[in-house]
Amino acid sequence: MVNLITIQDAVSQIKESIETAIMQSGTQGKTNLIRSQKPIKLLHEVVKAEFIRNKVNPNCLNPPLDQSSGEFSLAGFFKRKAQDICIVPNGLKPKSEKLNFSGILYGQDDKFGFDYTEKTLSINVRSQLSSSAKNFDTLYERTFAEALNLHLRCPKMVLGEIYMIAVKEYDSNAANENLIEYKKDDNVAEHIEKYLLSFSAINNRILENEEYFKYERICLLVVDFSKEIPKIYNTDAELKADNFLPANSRASIENLSFPNFIADLLEIYSKRFGTGKFT
């Protein structure tokens, strides 16, 4: 039987790999590890594992389980973009077509075609393991721009996104000495609140012909790597108890947490395209 990785296993392995890199090679070791994409690829495998746990046929997964090559580069309205994980219905075949909408893709061949693209369930994975405030605007704009790109061409397409952030940043000065320490950030609760409010605004797209900038479902994976066993936050009460969300905040992680992420995507897909497409 295939051993399917869990989200807790993944964040624990990410912590171990980063801290090992720091102890062996300092800040440069950490940077090289993150650039290798090995940590974030663990989250890719979690997504695939969760689909399998939700009765999706492994043959529908692209790339396959435990593989990172074979990503689909799907054409949206503005550009092509490699998708981290694509779930393709059984029996659906690509059909090449010429792209005829304006922009840089005009006149190019799309080997997948409109129908195949729109009926593919796509999930992308990102992470921000440095400061939760660093480059926020650029990363956020890129996130909703990618949903807009695909939905403008394929309004019914079901899109998911996992975005992992660390509530505490590794201290680079200590890392330079091969030590594991975390920066003190008095504004961390404000940063987390900003992420929650911002990602809630592009989450939970229900209507097929509206709000193209939204994802059908986003998971904001908030993790405290400073704990011996990394803690994943799934409720507002947990965040507030650890002072990572202001007590009177209107922000909420309840609709952005991981436990129902895959099931929600599959439910939305079934409503749009019918049941049993991935069995």
Protein backbone atom coordinates (compact mmCIF):
# COMPACT_ATOMS: atom_id res chain seq x y z
CA MET A 1 0.00 0.00 0.00
CA VAL A 2 1.23 3.50 -0.85
CA ASN A 3 2.36 5.54 2.15
CA LEU A 4 0.58 8.88 1.79
CA ILE A 5 2.26 11.88 3.41
CA THR A 6 0.21 14.05 5.79
CA ILE A 7 0.35 17.80 6.15
CA GLN A 8 1.91 17.42 9.62
CA ASP A 9 4.57 15.09 8.23
CA ALA A 10 5.36 17.62 5.52
CA VAL A 11 5.82 20.66 7.77
CA SER A 12 7.89 18.58 10.18
CA GLN A 13 10.17 17.49 7.33
CA ILE A 14 10.39 21.08 6.10
CA LYS A 15 11.48 22.24 9.57
CA GLU A 16 14.05 19.46 9.84
CA SER A 17 15.52 20.11 6.39
CA ILE A 18 15.79 23.88 6.90
CA GLU A 19 17.36 23.61 10.34
CA THR A 20 19.79 20.94 9.17
CA ALA A 21 20.81 23.21 6.29
CA ILE A 22 21.37 26.12 8.69
CA MET A 23 23.45 24.03 11.11
CA GLN A 24 25.57 22.66 8.27
CA SER A 25 25.90 25.66 5.96
CA GLY A 26 24.34 28.70 7.64
CA THR A 27 22.17 31.21 5.85
CA GLN A 28 23.50 30.19 2.45
CA GLY A 29 22.54 26.59 3.15
CA LYS A 30 18.98 27.65 3.97
CA THR A 31 18.79 29.81 0.85
CA ASN A 32 20.10 27.02 -1.37
CA LEU A 33 17.62 24.55 0.08
CA ILE A 34 14.64 26.82 -0.52
CA ARG A 35 15.82 27.56 -4.06
CA SER A 36 16.02 23.83 -4.71
CA GLN A 37 12.25 23.71 -4.08
CA LYS A 38 12.64 20.51 -2.07
CA PRO A 39 10.64 21.87 0.89
CA ILE A 40 7.70 23.11 -1.16
CA LYS A 41 7.60 19.91 -3.22
CA LEU A 42 6.57 18.15 -0.01
CA LEU A 43 3.40 20.25 -0.04
CA HIS A 44 2.78 19.17 -3.63
CA GLU A 45 2.82 15.56 -2.45
CA VAL A 46 0.45 16.40 0.40
CA VAL A 47 -2.05 17.78 -2.09
CA LYS A 48 -1.85 14.64 -4.22
CA ALA A 49 -2.15 12.44 -1.14
CA GLU A 50 -5.27 14.32 0.01
CA PHE A 51 -6.92 13.82 -3.36
CA ILE A 52 -6.24 10.10 -3.11
CA ARG A 53 -7.67 10.05 0.41
CA ASN A 54 -10.76 11.68 -1.07
CA LYS A 55 -11.20 8.75 -3.50
CA VAL A 56 -9.56 10.35 -6.55
CA ASN A 57 -7.93 7.81 -8.87
CA PRO A 58 -4.13 8.31 -8.72
CA ASN A 59 -4.07 8.04 -12.52
CA CYS A 60 -5.86 11.41 -12.67
CA LEU A 61 -2.94 13.19 -10.98
CA ASN A 62 -0.45 15.21 -13.00
CA PRO A 63 2.41 15.01 -12.17
CA PRO A 64 1.89 11.55 -10.68
CA LEU A 65 2.36 10.83 -6.98
CA ASP A 66 6.01 11.14 -5.88
CA GLN A 67 7.02 12.80 -9.14
CA SER A 68 7.72 16.46 -9.82
CA SER A 69 8.19 16.45 -13.59
CA GLY A 70 5.30 16.54 -16.00
CA GLU A 71 3.54 19.74 -14.95
CA PHE A 72 0.93 20.98 -17.43
CA SER A 73 1.48 24.44 -18.90
CA LEU A 74 -2.07 25.67 -19.41
CA ALA A 75 -3.03 28.64 -21.53
CA GLY A 76 -5.16 31.33 -19.96
CA PHE A 77 -6.32 34.59 -21.51
CA PHE A 78 -3.02 36.43 -21.09
CA LYS A 79 -0.32 33.76 -20.84
CA ARG A 80 0.63 30.15 -20.27
CA LYS A 81 1.52 29.04 -16.77
CA ALA A 82 2.82 25.71 -15.51
CA GLN A 83 0.36 24.35 -12.94
CA ASP A 84 1.78 22.57 -9.91
CA ILE A 85 -0.90 19.86 -9.71
CA CYS A 86 -3.60 19.09 -12.25
CA ILE A 87 -6.44 16.62 -11.74
CA VAL A 88 -7.82 15.46 -15.08
CA PRO A 89 -11.10 13.53 -15.44
CA ASN A 90 -10.98 9.96 -16.69
CA GLY A 91 -11.49 9.73 -20.43
CA LEU A 92 -10.91 13.41 -21.14
CA LYS A 93 -8.59 13.86 -24.10
CA PRO A 94 -6.68 16.97 -25.18
CA LYS A 95 -7.70 18.48 -28.50
CA SER A 96 -5.28 20.90 -30.11
CA GLU A 97 -6.68 24.27 -31.16
CA LYS A 98 -5.45 27.63 -32.41
CA LEU A 99 -5.73 30.45 -29.89
CA ASN A 100 -7.64 33.37 -31.39
CA PHE A 101 -7.96 35.88 -28.56
CA SER A 102 -5.86 39.03 -28.44
CA GLY A 103 -2.54 39.18 -26.64
CA ILE A 104 0.79 37.41 -26.77
CA LEU A 105 -0.82 33.99 -27.27
CA TYR A 106 -2.69 35.01 -30.42
CA GLY A 107 -2.24 32.50 -33.21
CA GLN A 108 -0.35 29.99 -31.07
CA ASP A 109 -1.30 26.32 -30.81
CA ASP A 110 -2.79 25.09 -27.57
CA LYS A 111 -2.13 21.34 -27.43
CA PHE A 112 -4.71 20.86 -24.66
CA GLY A 113 -7.62 22.90 -25.99
CA PHE A 114 -10.40 24.80 -24.24
CA ASP A 115 -12.52 21.86 -23.03
CA TYR A 116 -9.58 19.97 -21.56
CA THR A 117 -8.25 23.08 -19.85
CA GLU A 118 -11.57 24.13 -18.35
CA LYS A 119 -12.33 20.65 -17.00
CA THR A 120 -8.91 20.29 -15.39
CA LEU A 121 -8.89 20.97 -11.65
CA SER A 122 -5.71 22.91 -10.92
CA ILE A 123 -3.90 23.64 -7.64
CA ASN A 124 -0.81 25.77 -7.19
CA VAL A 125 1.42 25.91 -4.12
CA ARG A 126 3.44 28.84 -2.79
CA SER A 127 5.33 29.57 0.39
CA GLN A 128 6.79 32.54 2.22
CA LEU A 129 9.31 31.24 4.75
CA SER A 130 11.00 34.56 5.37
CA SER A 131 9.28 37.62 6.83
CA SER A 132 5.50 37.46 6.45
CA ALA A 133 5.57 41.16 5.51
CA LYS A 134 8.29 40.90 2.84
CA ASN A 135 7.20 41.45 -0.76
CA PHE A 136 3.56 41.01 0.26
CA ASP A 137 2.04 43.26 -2.40
CA THR A 138 3.93 41.66 -5.29
CA LEU A 139 3.17 38.12 -4.17
CA TYR A 140 -0.50 38.88 -3.51
CA GLU A 141 -0.98 40.57 -6.88
CA ARG A 142 0.64 37.62 -8.62
CA THR A 143 -1.70 35.26 -6.81
CA PHE A 144 -4.99 36.78 -7.92
CA ALA A 145 -3.63 37.63 -11.38
CA GLU A 146 -3.12 33.93 -12.07
CA ALA A 147 -6.71 33.10 -11.15
CA LEU A 148 -7.91 35.95 -13.37
CA ASN A 149 -5.78 34.72 -16.28
CA LEU A 150 -7.33 31.25 -16.31
CA HIS A 151 -10.90 32.22 -15.40
CA LEU A 152 -11.09 34.85 -18.15
CA ARG A 153 -10.59 32.08 -20.68
CA CYS A 154 -12.26 29.23 -18.77
CA PRO A 155 -14.94 30.62 -16.42
CA LYS A 156 -16.02 27.23 -15.05
CA MET A 157 -12.48 26.09 -14.25
CA VAL A 158 -11.96 25.05 -10.60
CA LEU A 159 -8.79 26.52 -9.11
CA GLY A 160 -7.13 25.98 -5.75
CA GLU A 161 -4.14 27.57 -4.07
CA ILE A 162 -2.10 26.65 -1.00
CA TYR A 163 -0.05 29.50 0.43
CA MET A 164 2.18 28.66 3.40
CA ILE A 165 3.53 31.35 5.70
CA ALA A 166 5.71 31.06 8.79
CA VAL A 167 4.62 33.06 11.82
CA LYS A 168 8.21 33.32 13.03
CA GLU A 169 11.18 34.04 10.80
CA TYR A 170 14.54 32.35 11.23
CA ASP A 171 17.12 34.85 12.49
CA SER A 172 19.64 35.34 9.69
CA ASN A 173 22.33 36.67 12.03
CA ALA A 174 22.13 33.55 14.15
CA ALA A 175 21.96 31.40 11.00
CA ASN A 176 25.25 32.96 9.87
CA GLU A 177 26.72 31.33 12.98
CA ASN A 178 24.96 28.03 12.20
CA LEU A 179 22.50 28.61 15.05
CA ILE A 180 18.72 28.08 15.07
CA GLU A 181 17.00 31.16 16.45
CA TYR A 182 13.90 33.15 15.54
CA LYS A 183 13.43 36.88 15.11
CA LYS A 184 11.22 38.71 17.55
CA ASP A 185 8.44 40.50 15.68
CA ASP A 186 6.05 42.67 17.66
CA ASN A 187 3.84 43.13 14.58
CA VAL A 188 3.34 39.47 13.70
CA ALA A 189 -0.37 39.50 14.63
CA GLU A 190 -0.94 42.44 12.28
CA HIS A 191 0.88 40.64 9.48
CA ILE A 192 -1.18 37.48 9.95
CA GLU A 193 -4.38 39.53 10.06
CA LYS A 194 -3.40 41.20 6.78
CA TYR A 195 -2.86 37.83 5.11
CA LEU A 196 -6.18 36.49 6.38
CA LEU A 197 -8.15 39.51 5.19
CA SER A 198 -6.38 39.61 1.84
CA PHE A 199 -6.72 35.92 1.03
CA SER A 200 -10.32 35.81 2.24
CA ALA A 201 -11.07 38.45 -0.40
CA ILE A 202 -10.00 36.08 -3.21
CA ASN A 203 -11.36 32.86 -1.69
CA ASN A 204 -14.57 30.90 -2.18
CA ARG A 205 -15.56 31.68 -5.77
CA ILE A 206 -19.04 30.23 -6.20
CA LEU A 207 -20.56 31.75 -9.36
CA GLU A 208 -19.16 30.64 -12.69
CA ASN A 209 -19.40 33.98 -14.47
CA GLU A 210 -18.33 36.40 -11.78
CA GLU A 211 -15.27 37.29 -9.72
CA TYR A 212 -12.72 35.77 -12.06
CA PHE A 213 -9.91 37.00 -9.78
CA LYS A 214 -11.01 34.60 -7.04
CA TYR A 215 -10.06 30.98 -6.43
CA GLU A 216 -12.70 28.38 -5.81
CA ARG A 217 -10.74 27.57 -2.66
CA ILE A 218 -7.57 28.94 -1.06
CA CYS A 219 -5.73 27.40 1.86
CA LEU A 220 -3.62 29.81 3.90
CA LEU A 221 -1.31 27.46 5.74
CA VAL A 222 -0.10 29.32 8.84
CA VAL A 223 2.72 27.44 10.57
CA ASP A 224 4.85 28.04 13.67
CA PHE A 225 8.15 26.32 12.92
CA SER A 226 9.68 27.45 16.20
CA LYS A 227 7.89 24.69 18.07
CA GLU A 228 9.52 21.27 18.38
CA ILE A 229 6.62 19.86 16.42
CA PRO A 230 5.55 22.59 13.97
CA LYS A 231 2.07 23.88 14.74
CA ILE A 232 -0.48 24.37 11.97
CA TYR A 233 -3.23 26.86 12.78
CA ASN A 234 -6.73 25.90 11.69
CA THR A 235 -8.93 28.05 13.94
CA ASP A 236 -9.19 31.65 15.03
CA ALA A 237 -9.12 30.56 18.66
CA GLU A 238 -5.72 28.91 18.17
CA LEU A 239 -4.27 32.02 16.56
CA LYS A 240 -5.63 34.33 19.25
CA ALA A 241 -4.46 32.05 22.06
CA ASP A 242 -0.88 32.32 20.76
CA ASN A 243 -1.17 36.07 20.11
CA PHE A 244 -0.98 35.67 16.35
CA LEU A 245 -4.32 37.41 15.75
CA PRO A 246 -5.75 40.44 17.55
CA ALA A 247 -8.52 39.46 19.96
CA ASN A 248 -11.03 41.85 18.33
CA SER A 249 -10.05 41.07 14.72
CA ARG A 250 -12.68 40.55 12.04
CA ALA A 251 -10.22 38.39 10.13
CA SER A 252 -10.73 34.63 10.16
CA ILE A 253 -8.85 31.51 9.10
CA GLU A 254 -11.92 29.27 9.39
CA ASN A 255 -12.63 29.23 5.62
CA LEU A 256 -8.95 29.20 4.69
CA SER A 257 -7.74 26.24 6.75
CA PHE A 258 -6.42 22.98 5.34
CA PRO A 259 -8.70 20.19 6.66
CA ASN A 260 -11.57 20.73 4.17
CA PHE A 261 -9.51 22.25 1.35
CA ILE A 262 -9.52 19.28 -1.04
CA ALA A 263 -13.06 18.16 -0.22
CA ASP A 264 -14.35 21.67 -0.93
CA LEU A 265 -12.64 21.76 -4.32
CA LEU A 266 -14.08 18.38 -5.28
CA GLU A 267 -17.57 19.42 -4.18
CA ILE A 268 -17.44 22.58 -6.30
CA TYR A 269 -16.11 20.58 -9.24
CA SER A 270 -18.96 18.05 -8.95
CA LYS A 271 -21.55 20.83 -8.97
CA ARG A 272 -20.10 22.27 -12.18
CA PHE A 273 -19.16 19.17 -14.13
CA GLY A 274 -20.96 16.25 -12.49
CA THR A 275 -19.97 13.55 -10.02
CA GLY A 276 -17.63 10.60 -10.44
CA LYS A 277 -15.26 12.30 -12.88
CA PHE A 278 -12.09 11.29 -11.00
CA THR A 279 -12.89 7.73 -9.91
